[in-house]
Amino acid sequence: MENYSFSSEEKLIPEEAYYYWPQGSYVYTGEGKSLVRFIFYKTQYTSYENEMLAKFKQEIKSSFSEIPEFFRDEELLRILLGCKFDIKKSIRSLKNSIEWRAINLTDSFRSLYPKCSRLLNSGAIYIHGRDHRYRPIIVINASKFDMKKYSIDEFTALLCFNLEFAIQKLTIPGQIENWIIITDLCNQPLKNLPISELRRIIKVLQDNFRCRMIVNYVVNAPSSLTFVWNIVKGFIESHTVKKIRINKKSNPPELKEHIAPNQLEEKYGGKLPNATVFWPPTLPPGPFTIPEEPQSAHLSGRTTYHEYHPQKEISFYDVPDDEPALPPTPSISLPIFWKDPERGINRSESEKNISAESINLSFQNEKIEIKLDNRSVHSDGGQTKENTEIQSFSSPKPKSKKTCGCYAKACQIF
């Protein structure tokens, strides 16, 4: 794809993002039929959601002989929420979604590439940066919608390509499941905007990528649109109003509540040059937090990095003494090799290099302890004690060495 290659398993996500677990209103807000959910995987549902999900699944059994594997509980709940827990409407939506995915997403975003390849570098729809919770930012530039040169189907495919690419490569189930949209109307009068085309594209987004959008910042909006919006928003549900922010400016202050300056283009109030190349996506390194926010306050001690990168070494954050400390390093699975004294150590090379299935590693001040299958090795003040020999074990506290572009000043590769 435009000389850009990626493996089927590769995720293009900063390492610190794997330590982020949404809490509170970042997971869901409201209750009952008014509930709005942002995170669907690896989380608990409310009793009302579980009740309605059970009813929905029972109705599915009566309406379908079988449904594709993709539509697990998490995706079924997305449909339910999108349909305000209306079971009959949800069944119709599920049917339409199954048909749409069968036509357009037989091989994820790769299926859409032939339909939108001419537009990938047009700048009409592209991915640029992340917000303060690592959610990808998708830009829609209305001035680039050349309806004389391209068809609406091509633009629709372009949007779906970027959204599906974001889901597969830029999100983590249970941690990062959403995106931010910037719709730039470029100060064009309403009569010059491709309103019907934009409406059709947005409908595809709403029908097939439910509960993914956190907010749509509509910038450079004509005065007529802002006037109409100020009238109608009084009759719209509050959570919908929060999701659509219409502004006549190109760099509204609200953008800075979500996005660090080094993730935004200059035209939107950021520090990055305005993009001229739109594929592959522009994914600047951190920091991702906004200036007023503590860098590590939203990160936990639990990471899923090793689940998505099993062949890569894991780095441990090492924050200087004059900076706020991060939570304790979590237990992780990490491959190492060990010698088994019960079998003797004079074995062939292939026999003595036995990969441990899991290790519990803890790091506290000057002490390091590794537990391997109920056997342990630890260091205390430089004295290493062990009852199982382990190769390449280093007892001192790791020294700081900058090895990646994470938010901490240094990372140490173990």
Protein backbone atom coordinates (compact mmCIF):
# COMPACT_ATOMS: atom_id res chain seq x y z
CA MET A 1 0.00 0.00 0.00
CA GLU A 2 1.87 3.01 -1.29
CA ASN A 3 5.18 1.34 -0.40
CA TYR A 4 4.00 1.10 3.21
CA SER A 5 4.11 -2.36 4.75
CA PHE A 6 2.92 -3.69 8.09
CA SER A 7 2.46 -7.14 9.54
CA SER A 8 -1.00 -8.45 10.38
CA GLU A 9 -0.12 -8.39 14.10
CA GLU A 10 1.73 -5.09 14.27
CA LYS A 11 0.14 -2.28 16.26
CA LEU A 12 1.30 1.30 15.82
CA ILE A 13 0.84 2.36 19.42
CA PRO A 14 3.21 4.15 21.84
CA GLU A 15 4.41 1.83 24.59
CA GLU A 16 3.09 3.98 27.41
CA ALA A 17 -0.46 3.57 26.03
CA TYR A 18 -0.43 -0.09 27.06
CA TYR A 19 -0.33 1.13 30.69
CA TYR A 20 -3.51 3.16 30.26
CA TRP A 21 -6.80 1.75 31.60
CA PRO A 22 -9.81 4.09 31.40
CA GLN A 23 -11.71 4.77 34.61
CA GLY A 24 -15.05 6.32 35.56
CA SER A 25 -16.63 8.50 32.87
CA TYR A 26 -13.97 7.42 30.37
CA VAL A 27 -15.68 3.98 30.44
CA TYR A 28 -19.37 4.98 30.47
CA THR A 29 -21.77 7.66 31.68
CA GLY A 30 -25.47 7.65 32.52
CA GLU A 31 -27.70 4.70 33.32
CA GLY A 32 -30.53 2.64 31.86
CA LYS A 33 -31.59 3.65 28.35
CA SER A 34 -29.63 6.88 28.69
CA LEU A 35 -26.33 5.06 29.24
CA VAL A 36 -23.47 6.06 26.93
CA ARG A 37 -20.57 3.62 26.81
CA PHE A 38 -17.07 4.19 25.40
CA ILE A 39 -15.24 1.00 26.45
CA PHE A 40 -16.75 -2.42 25.66
CA TYR A 41 -13.91 -4.91 26.03
CA LYS A 42 -12.33 -6.21 29.26
CA THR A 43 -14.80 -4.36 31.45
CA GLN A 44 -17.92 -5.04 33.49
CA TYR A 45 -21.37 -4.14 32.19
CA THR A 46 -24.20 -2.73 34.24
CA SER A 47 -27.06 -5.00 35.30
CA TYR A 48 -29.33 -3.24 32.79
CA GLU A 49 -26.88 -3.84 29.95
CA ASN A 50 -26.56 -7.52 30.86
CA GLU A 51 -30.34 -7.88 31.02
CA MET A 52 -30.89 -6.28 27.62
CA LEU A 53 -27.96 -8.13 26.06
CA ALA A 54 -29.49 -11.45 27.15
CA LYS A 55 -32.83 -10.47 25.56
CA PHE A 56 -31.07 -9.39 22.37
CA LYS A 57 -29.16 -12.66 22.10
CA GLN A 58 -32.37 -14.62 22.63
CA GLU A 59 -34.01 -12.69 19.79
CA ILE A 60 -30.95 -13.30 17.60
CA LYS A 61 -31.40 -17.05 18.05
CA SER A 62 -34.94 -16.72 16.74
CA SER A 63 -33.99 -14.45 13.82
CA PHE A 64 -30.68 -15.92 12.58
CA SER A 65 -29.46 -19.46 12.03
CA GLU A 66 -25.98 -18.15 12.84
CA ILE A 67 -24.08 -14.87 12.89
CA PRO A 68 -20.42 -14.14 12.03
CA GLU A 69 -17.85 -14.63 14.79
CA PHE A 70 -17.11 -10.89 14.77
CA PHE A 71 -20.42 -10.18 16.51
CA ARG A 72 -19.49 -11.19 20.02
CA ASP A 73 -21.10 -9.71 23.12
CA GLU A 74 -18.99 -6.54 22.92
CA GLU A 75 -20.08 -5.76 19.36
CA LEU A 76 -23.69 -6.77 20.02
CA LEU A 77 -23.78 -4.34 22.93
CA ARG A 78 -22.50 -1.58 20.64
CA ILE A 79 -25.51 -2.17 18.40
CA LEU A 80 -27.88 -2.22 21.37
CA LEU A 81 -26.58 1.09 22.70
CA GLY A 82 -26.64 2.64 19.24
CA CYS A 83 -30.31 1.64 18.93
CA LYS A 84 -31.20 2.88 22.45
CA PHE A 85 -31.80 -0.72 23.59
CA ASP A 86 -34.67 -1.16 21.11
CA ILE A 87 -34.50 -4.92 20.40
CA LYS A 88 -36.38 -4.88 17.07
CA LYS A 89 -34.36 -1.95 15.78
CA SER A 90 -31.17 -3.68 16.95
CA ILE A 91 -32.08 -6.85 15.00
CA ARG A 92 -32.52 -4.80 11.81
CA SER A 93 -29.25 -2.99 12.47
CA LEU A 94 -27.44 -6.28 13.06
CA LYS A 95 -28.75 -7.67 9.76
CA ASN A 96 -27.61 -4.57 7.87
CA SER A 97 -24.21 -4.60 9.55
CA ILE A 98 -23.65 -8.28 8.72
CA GLU A 99 -24.45 -7.59 5.06
CA TRP A 100 -22.27 -4.46 4.95
CA ARG A 101 -19.26 -6.19 6.48
CA ALA A 102 -19.65 -9.17 4.14
CA ILE A 103 -19.42 -6.81 1.16
CA ASN A 104 -16.82 -4.32 2.39
CA LEU A 105 -14.66 -5.88 5.12
CA THR A 106 -13.89 -9.45 4.09
CA ASP A 107 -10.22 -8.72 4.88
CA SER A 108 -10.50 -5.75 7.22
CA PHE A 109 -9.19 -2.43 5.81
CA ARG A 110 -7.27 -4.24 3.07
CA SER A 111 -10.56 -5.04 1.37
CA LEU A 112 -11.27 -1.32 0.97
CA TYR A 113 -7.88 -0.36 -0.43
CA PRO A 114 -8.76 -0.90 -4.14
CA LYS A 115 -11.80 1.34 -3.73
CA CYS A 116 -9.98 4.28 -2.14
CA SER A 117 -6.32 3.99 -3.21
CA ARG A 118 -6.56 7.06 -5.48
CA LEU A 119 -7.70 9.15 -2.52
CA LEU A 120 -5.32 8.06 0.22
CA ASN A 121 -3.03 11.04 -0.35
CA SER A 122 -5.74 13.52 -1.29
CA GLY A 123 -6.03 14.99 2.20
CA ALA A 124 -9.81 14.58 2.20
CA ILE A 125 -9.75 12.12 5.13
CA TYR A 126 -6.61 11.19 7.03
CA ILE A 127 -5.22 10.19 10.43
CA HIS A 128 -3.00 12.67 12.25
CA GLY A 129 -1.84 12.30 15.87
CA ARG A 130 -3.48 11.17 19.11
CA ASP A 131 -5.33 12.92 21.91
CA HIS A 132 -4.36 12.95 25.60
CA ARG A 133 -5.73 9.42 26.05
CA TYR A 134 -3.94 7.99 23.00
CA ARG A 135 -7.08 7.97 20.84
CA PRO A 136 -6.33 8.55 17.13
CA ILE A 137 -7.41 11.79 15.49
CA ILE A 138 -9.18 11.61 12.12
CA VAL A 139 -9.35 14.76 10.00
CA ILE A 140 -12.09 15.33 7.40
CA ASN A 141 -11.31 18.26 5.08
CA ALA A 142 -14.44 19.30 3.16
CA SER A 143 -12.49 21.43 0.66
CA LYS A 144 -10.78 18.28 -0.65
CA PHE A 145 -14.06 16.60 -1.63
CA ASP A 146 -13.78 16.91 -5.42
CA MET A 147 -17.09 15.37 -6.49
CA LYS A 148 -16.34 15.96 -10.17
CA LYS A 149 -13.20 13.86 -10.08
CA TYR A 150 -14.17 11.19 -7.53
CA SER A 151 -17.37 9.39 -6.58
CA ILE A 152 -19.13 9.41 -3.23
CA ASP A 153 -18.46 5.66 -2.99
CA GLU A 154 -14.72 6.34 -3.12
CA PHE A 155 -14.92 8.91 -0.32
CA THR A 156 -17.06 6.55 1.75
CA ALA A 157 -14.51 3.78 1.22
CA LEU A 158 -11.74 6.21 2.22
CA LEU A 159 -13.42 7.01 5.53
CA CYS A 160 -14.14 3.35 6.29
CA PHE A 161 -10.57 2.40 5.35
CA ASN A 162 -9.16 4.90 7.85
CA LEU A 163 -11.61 3.92 10.58
CA GLU A 164 -10.98 0.20 10.18
CA PHE A 165 -7.22 0.82 10.01
CA ALA A 166 -7.51 2.78 13.26
CA ILE A 167 -9.40 -0.06 14.95
CA GLN A 168 -6.92 -2.73 13.87
CA LYS A 169 -3.66 -0.79 14.27
CA LEU A 170 -4.19 2.16 16.59
CA THR A 171 -6.51 0.92 19.33
CA ILE A 172 -6.34 -1.60 22.19
CA PRO A 173 -9.52 -3.45 23.21
CA GLY A 174 -10.47 -2.46 26.76
CA GLN A 175 -8.04 0.46 26.80
CA ILE A 176 -8.27 2.58 23.65
CA GLU A 177 -11.45 1.99 21.64
CA ASN A 178 -12.38 5.45 20.37
CA TRP A 179 -11.27 8.30 18.14
CA ILE A 180 -11.52 12.07 17.83
CA ILE A 181 -12.73 13.65 14.58
CA ILE A 182 -11.87 17.11 13.27
CA THR A 183 -14.21 18.17 10.45
CA ASP A 184 -12.79 21.22 8.67
CA LEU A 185 -15.45 23.08 6.65
CA CYS A 186 -12.82 25.58 5.47
CA ASN A 187 -15.14 28.59 5.86
CA GLN A 188 -17.11 27.58 2.78
CA PRO A 189 -20.71 28.79 2.48
CA LEU A 190 -23.30 26.11 3.16
CA LYS A 191 -24.36 26.11 -0.50
CA ASN A 192 -20.80 25.15 -1.55
CA LEU A 193 -20.42 22.31 0.93
CA PRO A 194 -21.08 18.71 -0.19
CA ILE A 195 -23.83 18.38 2.44
CA SER A 196 -25.61 15.33 0.99
CA GLU A 197 -22.32 13.51 0.47
CA LEU A 198 -21.14 14.28 4.00
CA ARG A 199 -24.49 13.14 5.39
CA ARG A 200 -24.20 9.83 3.52
CA ILE A 201 -20.66 9.27 4.75
CA ILE A 202 -21.61 10.05 8.36
CA LYS A 203 -24.53 7.60 8.15
CA VAL A 204 -22.15 4.79 7.18
CA LEU A 205 -19.98 5.75 10.14
CA GLN A 206 -22.95 5.74 12.53
CA ASP A 207 -24.35 2.43 11.26
CA ASN A 208 -21.13 0.41 11.14
CA PHE A 209 -18.70 2.01 13.60
CA ARG A 210 -20.97 2.57 16.57
CA CYS A 211 -19.90 4.07 19.90
CA ARG A 212 -16.41 4.89 18.63
CA MET A 213 -16.45 8.68 18.28
CA ILE A 214 -15.71 10.71 21.41
CA VAL A 215 -16.21 14.13 19.83
CA ASN A 216 -16.42 15.74 16.38
CA TYR A 217 -14.80 19.17 16.33
CA VAL A 218 -16.37 21.02 13.39
CA VAL A 219 -14.01 23.93 12.70
CA ASN A 220 -14.00 26.82 10.24
CA ALA A 221 -17.78 26.54 10.12
CA PRO A 222 -19.78 29.20 8.23
CA SER A 223 -21.79 31.64 10.34
CA SER A 224 -25.07 30.25 9.01
CA LEU A 225 -24.26 26.79 10.38
CA THR A 226 -23.25 28.02 13.81
CA PHE A 227 -26.46 30.08 13.98
CA VAL A 228 -28.64 27.05 13.16
CA TRP A 229 -26.69 24.82 15.55
CA ASN A 230 -27.11 27.21 18.46
CA ILE A 231 -30.87 26.94 17.95
CA VAL A 232 -31.29 23.18 17.44
CA LYS A 233 -28.85 21.97 20.10
CA GLY A 234 -31.36 22.98 22.76
CA PHE A 235 -33.59 20.14 21.54
CA ILE A 236 -30.86 17.48 21.34
CA GLU A 237 -29.71 15.13 24.10
CA SER A 238 -26.84 16.56 26.12
CA HIS A 239 -24.42 13.73 25.34
CA THR A 240 -24.98 14.34 21.60
CA VAL A 241 -24.31 18.05 22.04
CA LYS A 242 -21.06 17.19 23.81
CA LYS A 243 -20.02 15.03 20.86
CA ILE A 244 -20.51 17.78 18.26
CA ARG A 245 -18.60 21.03 18.79
CA ILE A 246 -19.21 23.58 16.03
CA ASN A 247 -16.88 26.57 15.91
CA LYS A 248 -16.16 29.35 13.42
CA LYS A 249 -12.47 29.31 14.35
CA SER A 250 -9.85 26.90 13.06
CA ASN A 251 -8.24 26.49 16.48
CA PRO A 252 -10.97 26.57 19.14
CA PRO A 253 -9.73 26.41 22.76
CA GLU A 254 -11.69 23.16 23.23
CA LEU A 255 -9.20 21.33 21.02
CA LYS A 256 -6.48 22.01 23.54
CA GLU A 257 -8.54 20.27 26.23
CA HIS A 258 -8.10 17.01 24.36
CA ILE A 259 -4.95 17.26 22.30
CA ALA A 260 -1.33 18.21 23.05
CA PRO A 261 0.15 20.88 20.73
CA ASN A 262 2.77 18.50 19.34
CA GLN A 263 -0.02 16.24 17.99
CA LEU A 264 -1.84 18.97 16.04
CA GLU A 265 -1.15 20.76 12.78
CA GLU A 266 -0.43 24.49 12.94
CA LYS A 267 -3.73 25.38 11.26
CA TYR A 268 -5.57 23.83 14.22
CA GLY A 269 -3.44 25.59 16.83
CA GLY A 270 -0.74 22.93 17.10
CA LYS A 271 3.02 22.96 16.65
CA LEU A 272 3.33 20.57 13.71
CA PRO A 273 3.61 21.77 10.10
CA ASN A 274 0.41 21.40 8.13
CA ALA A 275 0.37 17.97 6.54
CA THR A 276 1.16 17.60 2.85
CA VAL A 277 1.50 13.80 2.87
CA PHE A 278 -1.52 11.96 4.20
CA TRP A 279 -0.61 8.29 3.85
CA PRO A 280 0.77 6.56 5.80
CA PRO A 281 -0.77 8.19 8.91
CA THR A 282 1.16 10.87 10.78
CA LEU A 283 1.75 9.55 14.31
CA PRO A 284 4.11 11.91 16.19
CA PRO A 285 5.84 10.72 19.37
CA GLY A 286 4.76 12.02 22.79
CA PRO A 287 4.18 13.76 25.01
CA PHE A 288 0.47 13.13 24.61
CA THR A 289 -0.81 14.74 27.79
CA ILE A 290 -1.98 18.34 27.68
CA PRO A 291 0.31 20.87 29.45
CA GLU A 292 -1.97 21.26 32.51
CA GLU A 293 -2.12 17.52 33.16
CA PRO A 294 0.41 15.45 35.17
CA GLN A 295 2.21 13.14 32.79
CA SER A 296 1.72 9.82 34.56
CA ALA A 297 -1.44 10.42 36.61
CA HIS A 298 -3.66 8.43 34.23
CA LEU A 299 -1.33 5.43 33.87
CA SER A 300 -1.63 2.23 35.90
CA GLY A 301 0.91 -0.41 36.88
CA ARG A 302 -0.70 -2.96 34.56
CA THR A 303 0.41 -3.32 30.93
CA THR A 304 -0.72 -5.41 27.97
CA TYR A 305 2.35 -4.62 25.86
CA HIS A 306 3.67 -8.19 25.97
CA GLU A 307 0.32 -9.55 24.73
CA TYR A 308 0.68 -7.67 21.44
CA HIS A 309 4.47 -7.77 21.14
CA PRO A 310 5.48 -11.24 22.43
CA GLN A 311 8.78 -11.26 20.55
CA LYS A 312 9.98 -7.86 21.74
CA GLU A 313 11.85 -6.94 24.90
CA ILE A 314 9.88 -5.08 27.53
CA SER A 315 11.12 -1.76 28.84
CA PHE A 316 10.72 -0.63 32.42
CA TYR A 317 10.02 3.00 33.16
CA ASP A 318 12.75 4.60 35.26
CA VAL A 319 11.81 8.07 36.50
CA PRO A 320 14.52 10.29 38.06
CA ASP A 321 14.27 10.94 41.80
CA ASP A 322 13.16 14.53 41.28
CA GLU A 323 10.07 13.47 39.30
CA PRO A 324 6.81 11.84 40.50
CA ALA A 325 7.18 8.08 40.71
CA LEU A 326 5.05 5.77 38.59
CA PRO A 327 3.03 2.92 40.10
CA PRO A 328 5.00 -0.25 40.95
CA THR A 329 6.18 -2.29 37.99
CA PRO A 330 3.52 -4.94 37.22
CA SER A 331 3.99 -8.68 37.04
CA ILE A 332 4.76 -9.66 33.45
CA SER A 333 5.46 -12.64 31.28
CA LEU A 334 9.01 -12.51 29.98
CA PRO A 335 10.98 -15.27 28.23
CA ILE A 336 14.38 -16.15 29.74
CA PHE A 337 16.53 -19.26 29.88
CA TRP A 338 17.44 -21.26 32.99
CA LYS A 339 19.56 -24.23 34.02
CA ASP A 340 17.83 -26.93 36.03
CA PRO A 341 20.19 -28.24 38.77
CA GLU A 342 17.98 -31.30 39.26
CA ARG A 343 18.86 -32.46 35.78
CA GLY A 344 22.44 -31.26 35.97
CA ILE A 345 23.99 -28.41 34.06
CA ASN A 346 26.26 -30.37 31.71
CA ARG A 347 23.63 -30.85 29.05
CA SER A 348 23.54 -30.14 25.35
CA GLU A 349 22.85 -26.54 24.32
CA SER A 350 19.39 -27.42 23.07
CA GLU A 351 18.50 -29.15 26.34
CA LYS A 352 19.72 -26.55 28.79
CA ASN A 353 18.01 -23.57 27.12
CA ILE A 354 14.50 -24.20 28.44
CA SER A 355 12.13 -21.28 28.09
CA ALA A 356 10.21 -20.43 31.25
CA GLU A 357 6.48 -20.00 30.70
CA SER A 358 6.14 -17.10 33.09
CA ILE A 359 8.06 -15.05 35.58
CA ASN A 360 6.88 -12.72 38.31
CA LEU A 361 9.23 -9.77 38.51
CA SER A 362 9.07 -7.14 41.25
CA PHE A 363 11.27 -4.09 41.62
CA GLN A 364 11.34 -2.08 44.86
CA ASN A 365 14.15 0.37 45.67
CA GLU A 366 17.39 -1.61 45.46
CA LYS A 367 15.76 -5.06 45.49
CA ILE A 368 14.87 -7.19 42.48
CA GLU A 369 13.10 -10.53 42.75
CA ILE A 370 12.21 -13.02 40.03
CA LYS A 371 9.93 -15.96 40.80
CA LEU A 372 9.97 -18.89 38.42
CA ASP A 373 7.62 -21.82 39.01
CA ASN A 374 7.72 -21.39 42.83
CA ARG A 375 11.51 -20.91 42.77
CA SER A 376 12.98 -17.48 43.29
CA VAL A 377 16.05 -15.40 42.67
CA HIS A 378 16.47 -12.05 44.35
CA SER A 379 19.03 -9.38 45.08
CA ASP A 380 19.39 -7.35 48.25
CA GLY A 381 22.08 -4.70 48.50
CA GLY A 382 24.04 -6.29 45.67
CA GLN A 383 24.02 -9.82 47.21
CA THR A 384 22.28 -12.29 44.92
CA LYS A 385 20.57 -15.29 46.53
CA GLU A 386 19.12 -18.08 44.47
CA ASN A 387 17.87 -21.62 44.58
CA THR A 388 17.61 -22.05 40.83
CA GLU A 389 20.39 -20.99 38.46
CA ILE A 390 19.27 -18.46 35.88
CA GLN A 391 21.41 -17.22 33.04
CA SER A 392 22.03 -13.52 32.43
CA PHE A 393 20.56 -12.36 35.74
CA SER A 394 21.67 -8.87 36.78
CA SER A 395 21.13 -7.89 40.40
CA PRO A 396 21.82 -4.12 40.60
CA LYS A 397 19.12 -1.54 40.02
CA PRO A 398 18.95 -0.83 36.26
CA LYS A 399 20.72 2.28 35.10
CA SER A 400 18.75 4.78 33.08
CA LYS A 401 19.28 4.66 29.35
CA LYS A 402 17.07 6.38 26.81
CA THR A 403 15.94 3.76 24.36
CA CYS A 404 12.52 4.79 23.13
CA GLY A 405 10.22 7.74 22.68
CA CYS A 406 7.99 7.12 25.68
CA TYR A 407 6.78 9.84 28.03
CA ALA A 408 9.40 9.07 30.71
CA LYS A 409 12.81 10.65 30.38
CA ALA A 410 14.43 7.26 30.13
CA CYS A 411 13.63 3.60 29.64
CA GLN A 412 15.75 0.63 30.58
CA ILE A 413 15.66 -2.47 28.42
CA PHE A 414 15.94 -5.54 30.67
